[in-house]
N, C-alpha and C. Protein backbone atom coordinates (compact mmCIF):
# COMPACT_ATOMS: atom_id res chain seq x y z
N UNK A 1 61.23 127.43 52.77
CA UNK A 1 62.59 127.28 53.25
C UNK A 1 62.74 128.11 54.59
N UNK A 2 63.68 127.32 55.49
CA UNK A 2 63.68 128.30 56.69
C UNK A 2 65.12 127.85 57.25
N UNK A 3 65.63 128.72 57.82
CA UNK A 3 67.03 128.31 58.61
C UNK A 3 66.94 127.56 59.85
N UNK A 4 67.84 126.59 59.83
CA UNK A 4 67.89 125.66 61.11
C UNK A 4 68.70 125.97 62.01
N UNK A 5 70.22 125.98 61.78
CA UNK A 5 71.22 126.16 62.41
C UNK A 5 72.57 126.73 61.56
N UNK A 6 73.50 127.28 62.23
CA UNK A 6 74.78 127.64 61.87
C UNK A 6 75.43 126.31 61.67
N UNK A 7 76.77 126.14 60.75
CA UNK A 7 77.52 125.14 60.88
C UNK A 7 78.54 125.32 61.89
N UNK A 8 79.44 124.29 62.35
CA UNK A 8 80.48 124.52 63.33
C UNK A 8 81.23 125.75 63.24
N UNK A 9 81.70 125.92 62.03
CA UNK A 9 82.59 127.02 61.66
C UNK A 9 82.00 128.37 61.34
N UNK A 10 80.51 128.30 61.15
CA UNK A 10 79.76 129.64 61.16
C UNK A 10 79.87 130.13 59.67
N UNK A 11 80.40 129.48 58.71
CA UNK A 11 80.34 129.76 57.38
C UNK A 11 79.13 129.28 56.42
N UNK A 12 78.36 128.32 56.98
CA UNK A 12 77.14 127.87 56.17
C UNK A 12 75.83 128.02 57.54
N UNK A 13 74.96 127.83 56.69
CA UNK A 13 73.53 127.90 57.14
C UNK A 13 72.78 126.66 56.77
N UNK A 14 72.48 125.74 57.65
CA UNK A 14 71.40 124.71 57.35
C UNK A 14 70.09 124.94 57.20
N UNK A 15 69.48 124.79 56.11
CA UNK A 15 68.12 125.27 55.84
C UNK A 15 67.26 123.92 55.42
N UNK A 16 66.00 124.24 55.86
CA UNK A 16 65.17 123.10 55.73
C UNK A 16 64.07 123.22 54.59
N UNK A 17 63.77 122.42 53.73
CA UNK A 17 63.04 122.82 52.58
C UNK A 17 61.73 121.79 52.37
N UNK A 18 60.44 122.31 52.53
CA UNK A 18 59.20 121.64 52.37
C UNK A 18 59.53 120.34 52.96
N UNK A 19 59.82 120.31 54.36
CA UNK A 19 59.96 119.09 55.23
C UNK A 19 60.46 117.83 54.46
N UNK A 20 60.94 118.09 53.35
CA UNK A 20 61.63 116.86 52.57
C UNK A 20 63.16 116.90 52.48
N UNK A 21 63.93 118.06 52.64
CA UNK A 21 65.21 117.91 52.46
C UNK A 21 65.86 119.20 53.35
N UNK A 22 67.06 118.98 53.63
CA UNK A 22 68.01 119.78 54.01
C UNK A 22 68.93 120.39 52.91
N UNK A 23 69.51 121.54 53.20
CA UNK A 23 70.35 122.08 52.24
C UNK A 23 71.37 122.84 53.17
N UNK A 24 72.54 123.03 52.77
CA UNK A 24 73.54 123.93 53.21
C UNK A 24 73.71 125.07 52.30
N UNK A 25 73.72 126.31 53.01
CA UNK A 25 73.90 127.44 52.32
C UNK A 25 75.17 127.85 52.75
N UNK A 26 76.20 128.38 51.71
CA UNK A 26 77.27 128.82 51.98
C UNK A 26 77.04 130.34 51.94
N UNK A 27 77.62 131.05 53.06
CA UNK A 27 77.40 132.46 53.22
C UNK A 27 78.28 133.11 52.38
N UNK A 28 79.72 132.71 52.44
CA UNK A 28 80.83 133.19 51.24
C UNK A 28 80.48 133.19 49.95
N UNK A 29 80.26 131.92 49.37
CA UNK A 29 79.78 131.74 47.78
C UNK A 29 78.51 131.87 47.49
N UNK A 30 77.57 132.04 48.27
CA UNK A 30 76.32 132.29 48.21
C UNK A 30 75.67 131.03 47.14
N UNK A 31 75.93 129.77 47.86
CA UNK A 31 75.51 128.68 47.01
C UNK A 31 75.01 127.71 47.83
N UNK A 32 74.28 126.87 47.19
CA UNK A 32 73.61 125.87 48.08
C UNK A 32 74.16 124.46 47.78
N UNK A 33 73.87 123.22 48.61
CA UNK A 33 74.46 122.08 48.33
C UNK A 33 73.65 121.12 49.13
N UNK A 34 73.13 119.87 48.77
CA UNK A 34 72.32 119.13 49.45
C UNK A 34 72.98 118.49 50.81
N UNK A 35 72.27 118.37 51.89
CA UNK A 35 72.85 117.89 53.06
C UNK A 35 72.29 116.58 53.23
N UNK A 36 73.15 115.39 53.25
CA UNK A 36 72.67 114.01 53.12
C UNK A 36 72.44 113.52 54.72
N UNK A 37 71.22 113.13 54.89
CA UNK A 37 70.74 112.51 56.08
C UNK A 37 70.18 111.12 55.96
N UNK A 38 70.99 110.10 56.53
CA UNK A 38 70.45 108.78 56.28
C UNK A 38 69.25 108.57 57.06
N UNK A 39 68.59 107.38 56.66
CA UNK A 39 67.54 106.96 57.73
C UNK A 39 66.11 106.42 56.62
N UNK A 40 66.15 107.04 55.56
CA UNK A 40 65.13 106.63 54.59
C UNK A 40 63.80 106.99 54.72
N UNK A 41 63.94 108.14 55.49
CA UNK A 41 62.45 109.22 55.87
C UNK A 41 62.12 109.70 54.34
N UNK A 42 60.62 109.86 54.16
CA UNK A 42 60.13 110.46 53.00
C UNK A 42 59.88 111.95 53.43
N UNK A 43 59.60 112.00 54.82
CA UNK A 43 59.30 113.48 54.95
C UNK A 43 59.76 113.61 56.75
N UNK A 44 59.65 114.82 57.23
CA UNK A 44 60.03 114.94 58.60
C UNK A 44 59.63 116.33 59.17
N UNK A 45 59.79 116.50 60.39
CA UNK A 45 59.17 117.83 60.94
C UNK A 45 60.43 118.21 61.84
N UNK A 46 61.21 119.52 61.60
CA UNK A 46 62.16 119.90 62.41
C UNK A 46 61.71 121.05 63.42
N UNK A 47 62.09 120.93 64.65
CA UNK A 47 61.96 121.96 65.66
C UNK A 47 63.02 122.65 66.15
N UNK A 48 63.12 123.95 66.37
CA UNK A 48 64.15 124.81 66.92
C UNK A 48 63.75 125.20 68.45
N UNK A 49 64.72 124.90 69.21
CA UNK A 49 64.36 125.09 70.77
C UNK A 49 65.44 126.19 71.25
N UNK A 50 64.80 127.35 71.81
CA UNK A 50 65.70 128.09 72.14
C UNK A 50 65.58 128.40 74.04
N UNK A 51 66.57 128.23 74.45
CA UNK A 51 66.60 128.11 76.05
C UNK A 51 67.21 129.31 76.30
N UNK A 52 67.24 129.67 77.85
CA UNK A 52 67.90 130.73 78.36
C UNK A 52 68.51 130.54 79.56
N UNK A 53 69.81 131.11 79.93
CA UNK A 53 70.35 130.77 81.04
C UNK A 53 70.25 132.04 82.02
N UNK A 54 69.21 132.99 81.67
CA UNK A 54 68.89 134.26 82.33
C UNK A 54 67.87 133.65 83.50
N UNK A 55 68.14 133.93 84.84
CA UNK A 55 67.16 133.66 85.65
C UNK A 55 65.77 134.43 85.42
N UNK A 56 64.63 133.97 85.59
CA UNK A 56 63.25 134.73 85.32
C UNK A 56 62.87 135.82 86.60
N UNK A 57 63.50 135.65 87.72
CA UNK A 57 63.35 136.50 88.65
C UNK A 57 64.64 136.98 89.27
N UNK A 58 65.20 137.74 88.08
CA UNK A 58 66.49 138.60 88.79
C UNK A 58 67.92 137.74 89.07
N UNK A 59 68.43 137.89 90.05
CA UNK A 59 69.61 137.16 90.34
C UNK A 59 69.27 135.80 90.90
N UNK A 60 68.27 135.74 91.64
CA UNK A 60 68.03 134.36 92.22
C UNK A 60 66.92 133.81 91.69
N UNK A 61 66.24 132.91 92.32
CA UNK A 61 65.15 132.07 91.93
C UNK A 61 63.88 132.92 92.69
N UNK A 62 62.65 132.35 92.38
CA UNK A 62 61.46 133.02 92.91
C UNK A 62 61.44 132.96 94.45
N UNK A 63 61.91 132.11 94.95
CA UNK A 63 62.04 131.76 96.61
C UNK A 63 62.62 133.09 97.09
N UNK A 64 63.79 133.22 96.51
CA UNK A 64 64.91 134.23 96.97
C UNK A 64 64.07 135.59 96.84
N UNK A 65 63.50 135.87 95.60
CA UNK A 65 62.66 137.14 95.42
C UNK A 65 61.64 137.38 96.58
N UNK A 66 60.85 136.39 96.93
CA UNK A 66 59.82 136.57 98.10
C UNK A 66 60.14 136.72 99.22
N UNK A 67 61.50 136.27 99.58
CA UNK A 67 62.08 136.44 101.04
C UNK A 67 62.59 138.01 101.11
N UNK A 68 63.03 138.55 100.12
CA UNK A 68 63.43 139.85 100.10
C UNK A 68 62.36 140.70 100.10
N UNK A 69 60.95 140.50 99.80
CA UNK A 69 59.90 141.53 99.75
C UNK A 69 59.42 141.49 101.02
């Protein structure tokens, strides 16, 4: 079982279990409920992607950093 995302309200966490089902975990009540997802899939694979808005080369891009050197 692994966490996938928080709910829009932040009160629940979406969990993936055995590549077969999603569950909502209620943080306040400490309870689980099944999340229904249509489509008739027997199994699935989920991915979590983390991005960044922070430039890799300080304030500007790589070209700007080389100009200052």
